[in-house]
Protein backbone atom coordinates (compact mmCIF):
# COMPACT_ATOMS: atom_id res chain seq x y z
CA MET A 1 117.70 99.50 282.88
CA SER A 2 119.16 96.02 282.30
CA LEU A 3 119.40 94.42 278.89
CA PRO A 4 116.09 92.79 277.78
CA LEU A 5 116.32 89.07 277.04
CA TRP A 6 114.82 89.43 273.56
CA LEU A 7 117.83 91.56 272.62
CA VAL A 8 120.19 88.89 274.00
CA GLU A 9 118.58 86.35 271.66
CA LEU A 10 119.00 88.77 268.76
CA ILE A 11 122.70 89.21 269.60
CA LYS A 12 123.16 85.43 269.66
CA LYS A 13 121.58 85.12 266.21
CA ALA A 14 123.78 87.93 264.86
CA PHE A 15 126.94 86.31 266.24
CA ARG A 16 127.48 84.37 263.00
CA TYR A 17 128.05 87.67 261.19
CA ARG A 18 130.88 88.82 263.46
CA PHE A 19 133.59 88.29 260.83
CA LEU A 20 131.76 90.54 258.38
CA ALA A 21 131.31 93.15 261.10
CA ALA A 22 135.04 92.96 261.91
CA LYS A 23 135.95 93.65 258.27
CA LEU A 24 133.76 96.77 258.34
CA THR A 25 136.10 98.30 260.96
CA LYS A 26 138.61 98.83 258.15
CA ALA A 27 136.25 101.21 256.34
CA PRO A 28 137.50 104.77 257.15
CA LEU A 29 134.35 106.47 258.48
CA LEU A 30 132.35 103.42 259.52
CA GLY A 31 135.42 101.98 261.25
CA ARG A 32 135.78 105.06 263.45
CA ILE A 33 132.11 104.86 264.43
CA ILE A 34 132.34 101.16 265.33
CA ASP A 35 135.56 101.76 267.24
CA HIS A 36 133.99 104.57 269.28
CA ILE A 37 130.84 102.61 270.13
CA LEU A 38 132.27 99.13 270.78
CA PHE A 39 136.01 99.25 271.41
CA GLU A 40 136.91 102.65 272.85
CA ASN A 41 139.39 102.47 275.78
CA ASP A 42 139.77 98.69 275.43
CA ASP A 43 142.85 97.08 276.98
CA ILE A 44 142.66 93.28 277.08
CA ILE A 45 145.42 90.81 277.98
CA TYR A 46 145.56 87.10 277.16
CA VAL A 47 146.61 85.01 280.17
CA PRO A 48 148.73 81.94 279.28
CA GLN A 49 147.68 78.62 280.76
CA ASP A 50 149.71 77.91 283.90
CA GLU A 51 150.76 74.41 282.92
CA VAL A 52 152.57 75.49 279.74
CA ILE A 53 154.65 78.29 281.26
CA GLN A 54 158.37 78.23 281.92
CA LEU A 55 159.60 80.96 284.25
CA ASN A 56 162.80 82.77 283.27
CA MET A 57 164.34 82.48 286.71
CA THR A 58 165.25 79.87 289.28
CA ILE A 59 162.57 79.05 291.86
CA GLU A 60 164.10 77.66 295.04
CA ARG A 61 160.84 77.03 296.90
CA MET A 62 157.47 76.03 295.45
CA GLU A 63 155.66 78.68 297.53
CA GLU A 64 157.67 81.37 295.71
CA MET A 65 156.28 80.32 292.33
CA VAL A 66 154.04 82.92 290.69
CA LEU A 67 151.94 81.70 287.76
CA PRO A 68 150.00 83.68 285.12
CA SER A 69 146.67 82.91 286.79
CA SER A 70 147.84 84.92 289.80
CA VAL A 71 147.05 88.08 287.82
CA VAL A 72 143.42 86.96 287.51
CA GLU A 73 143.31 85.91 291.16
CA HIS A 74 144.73 89.29 292.22
CA PHE A 75 141.73 91.13 290.82
CA ILE A 76 139.25 88.61 292.18
CA GLN A 77 140.70 89.18 295.65
CA LYS A 78 140.71 92.95 295.18
CA ALA A 79 137.18 93.31 293.78
CA LYS A 80 134.14 94.07 295.93
CA HIS A 81 131.65 92.80 293.36
CA HIS A 82 131.78 89.48 291.44
CA TRP A 83 129.29 88.30 288.84
CA VAL A 84 129.30 84.99 286.93
CA MET A 85 127.32 84.59 283.72
CA ASN A 86 125.11 81.51 283.48
CA TRP A 87 126.58 80.65 280.09
CA CYS A 88 129.13 81.82 277.53
CA ILE A 89 127.37 83.82 274.83
CA CYS A 90 130.00 82.82 272.25
CA ARG A 91 129.67 79.08 272.85
CA ALA A 92 125.88 79.34 273.22
CA SER A 93 125.63 81.16 269.88
CA GLU A 94 127.80 78.54 268.17
CA LYS A 95 126.19 75.60 270.01
CA CYS A 96 129.68 74.46 271.00
CA LYS A 97 130.13 70.71 271.40
CA ASP A 98 133.77 70.70 272.55
CA TYR A 99 133.76 72.99 275.60
CA PRO A 100 131.20 73.64 278.39
CA ILE A 101 128.64 76.27 277.42
CA ASP A 102 127.69 76.85 281.06
CA LEU A 103 131.13 78.23 281.97
CA GLY A 104 130.52 81.91 281.27
CA CYS A 105 132.47 85.10 281.79
CA LEU A 106 133.31 86.46 285.22
CA PHE A 107 132.73 90.18 285.63
CA LEU A 108 134.19 92.26 288.44
CA GLY A 109 133.39 95.76 289.63
CA GLU A 110 130.44 97.91 290.53
CA ALA A 111 128.95 97.93 287.01
CA SER A 112 128.57 94.14 287.06
CA MET A 113 125.74 94.49 289.59
CA LYS A 114 123.60 96.11 286.86
CA ILE A 115 123.60 93.01 284.63
CA ASN A 116 120.20 91.43 284.03
CA SER A 117 119.66 88.95 286.88
CA ARG A 118 118.40 86.33 284.42
CA LEU A 119 121.79 86.25 282.69
CA GLY A 120 123.88 85.40 285.74
CA HIS A 121 124.30 85.88 289.45
CA PRO A 122 126.57 87.52 292.03
CA VAL A 123 129.11 85.27 293.73
CA THR A 124 131.59 85.45 296.58
CA LYS A 125 135.34 85.74 296.08
CA GLU A 126 135.70 82.06 296.88
CA GLU A 127 133.02 81.11 294.34
CA ALA A 128 134.65 83.34 291.71
CA LEU A 129 138.01 81.64 292.25
CA LYS A 130 136.38 78.21 292.04
CA HIS A 131 134.66 79.21 288.79
CA ILE A 132 137.91 80.36 287.20
CA ARG A 133 139.69 77.16 288.21
CA ARG A 134 136.89 75.07 286.67
CA CYS A 135 137.31 77.03 283.45
CA GLN A 136 141.07 76.54 283.43
CA LYS A 137 140.68 72.82 284.12
CA ALA A 138 138.29 72.59 281.16
CA GLY A 139 141.07 73.92 278.88
CA LEU A 140 139.66 77.43 278.48
CA VAL A 141 141.98 80.43 278.21
CA ASN A 142 141.47 83.57 280.28
CA LEU A 143 141.35 87.08 278.90
CA ILE A 144 141.33 89.93 281.36
CA GLY A 145 140.87 93.66 280.98
CA ARG A 146 138.56 96.47 280.00
CA ASN A 147 136.26 95.37 277.20
CA ASN A 148 133.83 98.09 276.14
CA LEU A 149 131.90 95.62 274.00
CA ASP A 150 130.75 93.85 277.18
CA ALA A 151 129.56 97.09 278.74
CA VAL A 152 127.59 97.83 275.56
CA TRP A 153 125.90 94.47 274.98
CA LEU A 154 125.13 94.03 278.68
CA ALA A 155 123.86 97.63 278.87
CA VAL A 156 125.86 98.47 281.99
CA GLY A 157 128.30 101.16 282.96
CA PRO A 158 130.41 103.05 283.49
CA GLY A 159 132.91 101.02 281.47
CA TYR A 160 135.80 101.75 283.81
CA LYS A 161 133.85 100.00 286.58
CA LEU A 162 133.55 96.70 284.69
CA LEU A 163 136.45 94.23 284.48
CA THR A 164 135.97 91.32 282.10
CA ILE A 165 137.51 87.90 282.67
CA CYS A 166 136.62 85.75 279.66
CA ASN A 167 137.03 81.99 279.48
CA CYS A 168 137.69 81.33 275.82
CA CYS A 169 137.76 78.26 273.61
CA PRO A 170 139.55 78.17 270.24
CA CYS A 171 136.44 77.25 268.24
CA CYS A 172 133.86 79.83 269.31
CA CYS A 173 135.73 82.77 270.85
CA LEU A 174 134.62 86.18 269.66
CA TRP A 175 138.25 87.20 269.27
CA ARG A 176 138.68 84.90 266.31
CA ILE A 177 137.77 88.11 264.51
CA LEU A 178 141.16 89.63 265.40
CA PRO A 179 142.81 88.98 262.00
CA TYR A 180 139.92 90.83 260.35
CA LEU A 181 139.81 93.90 262.62
CA ALA A 182 141.34 97.27 261.84
CA PRO A 183 144.93 97.40 263.21
CA ASN A 184 144.16 100.18 265.73
CA ILE A 185 141.47 98.02 267.34
CA ARG A 186 143.42 94.77 267.11
CA SER A 187 146.39 96.36 268.89
CA ARG A 188 144.37 96.70 272.11
CA ILE A 189 144.16 92.93 272.59
CA THR A 190 147.66 91.74 273.49
CA LYS A 191 149.67 88.99 275.08
CA MET A 192 150.79 89.30 278.68
CA PRO A 193 153.90 91.48 279.08
CA GLY A 194 157.06 89.41 279.28
CA VAL A 195 155.63 86.41 277.42
CA GLU A 196 157.78 84.82 274.71
CA VAL A 197 156.71 81.93 272.46
CA THR A 198 159.42 80.12 270.51
CA VAL A 199 159.84 77.02 268.35
CA ASN A 200 162.78 74.69 269.08
CA ASP A 201 164.69 72.24 266.88
CA ARG A 202 162.23 69.41 267.54
CA CYS A 203 159.79 70.93 265.05
CA ASN A 204 159.38 68.68 262.00
CA GLY A 205 156.85 70.82 260.15
CA CYS A 206 153.89 68.49 260.78
CA GLY A 207 151.48 71.45 260.75
CA THR A 208 149.43 70.32 263.76
CA CYS A 209 149.77 73.77 265.33
CA MET A 210 148.00 75.27 262.30
CA GLU A 211 144.96 72.97 262.40
CA GLU A 212 142.34 75.07 264.21
CA VAL A 213 144.76 75.62 267.10
CA CYS A 214 145.87 79.21 266.60
CA PHE A 215 142.63 81.02 265.90
CA ILE A 216 144.39 84.31 265.16
CA LYS A 217 146.59 82.71 262.49
CA ALA A 218 149.86 83.66 264.18
CA ILE A 219 151.69 80.47 263.09
CA ARG A 220 152.98 79.68 259.62
CA LEU A 221 155.34 77.13 258.10
CA VAL A 222 158.59 78.38 256.60
CA ASP A 223 160.95 75.80 255.08
CA ASN A 224 159.06 73.02 256.86
CA HIS A 225 159.45 74.71 260.25
CA ALA A 226 156.80 76.48 262.36
CA VAL A 227 157.33 80.21 262.84
CA ILE A 228 155.49 82.28 265.46
CA GLY A 229 154.42 85.71 264.19
CA GLU A 230 154.37 89.00 266.06
CA GLU A 231 150.58 88.84 266.29
CA CYS A 232 150.86 85.89 268.73
CA LEU A 233 148.86 86.44 271.92
CA GLY A 234 150.77 83.90 274.01
CA CYS A 235 147.74 81.85 275.06
CA GLY A 236 149.70 78.58 275.02
CA ARG A 237 147.25 76.43 273.04
CA CYS A 238 149.91 75.54 270.47
CA VAL A 239 152.23 74.39 273.26
CA ASN A 240 149.66 71.87 274.43
CA MET A 241 148.82 70.64 270.94
CA CYS A 242 152.31 70.17 269.48
CA PRO A 243 153.02 66.39 269.31
CA GLN A 244 156.78 67.03 269.13
CA LYS A 245 156.88 69.35 272.17
CA ALA A 246 158.58 71.80 269.86
CA ILE A 247 156.84 74.98 271.03
CA GLU A 248 157.84 76.66 274.27
CA ILE A 249 156.38 79.61 276.16
CA LYS A 250 158.31 81.53 278.75
CA ILE A 251 157.51 84.51 280.93
CA ASP A 252 159.60 86.91 282.95
CA ARG A 253 158.07 86.75 286.44
CA GLU A 254 158.81 90.42 287.09
CA GLN A 255 156.32 91.34 284.36
CA PHE A 256 153.35 90.19 286.45
CA VAL A 257 153.49 93.55 288.25
CA VAL A 258 153.38 95.33 284.89
CA SER A 259 150.22 93.42 283.94
CA ILE A 260 148.49 94.27 287.21
CA GLU A 261 149.40 97.96 287.04
CA ARG A 262 148.28 98.18 283.41
CA ILE A 263 144.86 96.64 284.09
CA SER A 264 144.41 98.72 287.24
CA SER A 265 144.98 101.91 285.23
CA SER A 266 142.00 101.19 282.96
CA VAL A 267 139.50 99.50 285.32
CA ASP A 268 138.54 100.18 288.93
CA VAL A 269 137.13 97.11 290.69
CA SER A 270 137.44 98.38 294.26
């Protein structure tokens, strides 16, 4: 049975309380219950925006270049079932004015076909790729992986047959709750393997990167110089926003295989 629409509206109204709910995961008994129901077996990877990436190797021919989005495209090509949501529940709940509300999540896998037909629609591989490119062009950041919370709120399953590809904005994204979650849950949402974010000598401590740019609070100023913390997810938003071009993000191209194998071990989209 698909999720009734009245419950979707209730979830949207409850969205404002997500930070409080995240803090409850740190309570010993209640935290274990929430973890089991909403986050069990999660493994989610942030995908850096292509345009901010520097590859740690020489590329002799343009056709040899592999970008972070290729990981997302790999699973779109591999999947037999593709489902696009009519809207993003995070941005719809927050009534976002900065990013398109109609660019919703892309779900892959057999379980996606059980989603309420009034929430979205099946698409072809070509339409799925076009949707993701529209999202990237709009400045949204992709997350990809197994997200049990989606299987729960959409009332579909099994969870290992549902691959989530989120298109996130910095103002409304659910995962702004990360700093408030229990460490064992927070550790399942990570940056792409091989990604490194650094600050160069051009940094003058202006603080722009801390002004609603890093929504997980991974940047701080030390002696008038930006420092990237270990909790960084490597999304690349700070790279785009820095007026001094002082933040750089690099990735080891060989790690793309690691990302694909890791996601494939937790979700079956074939």
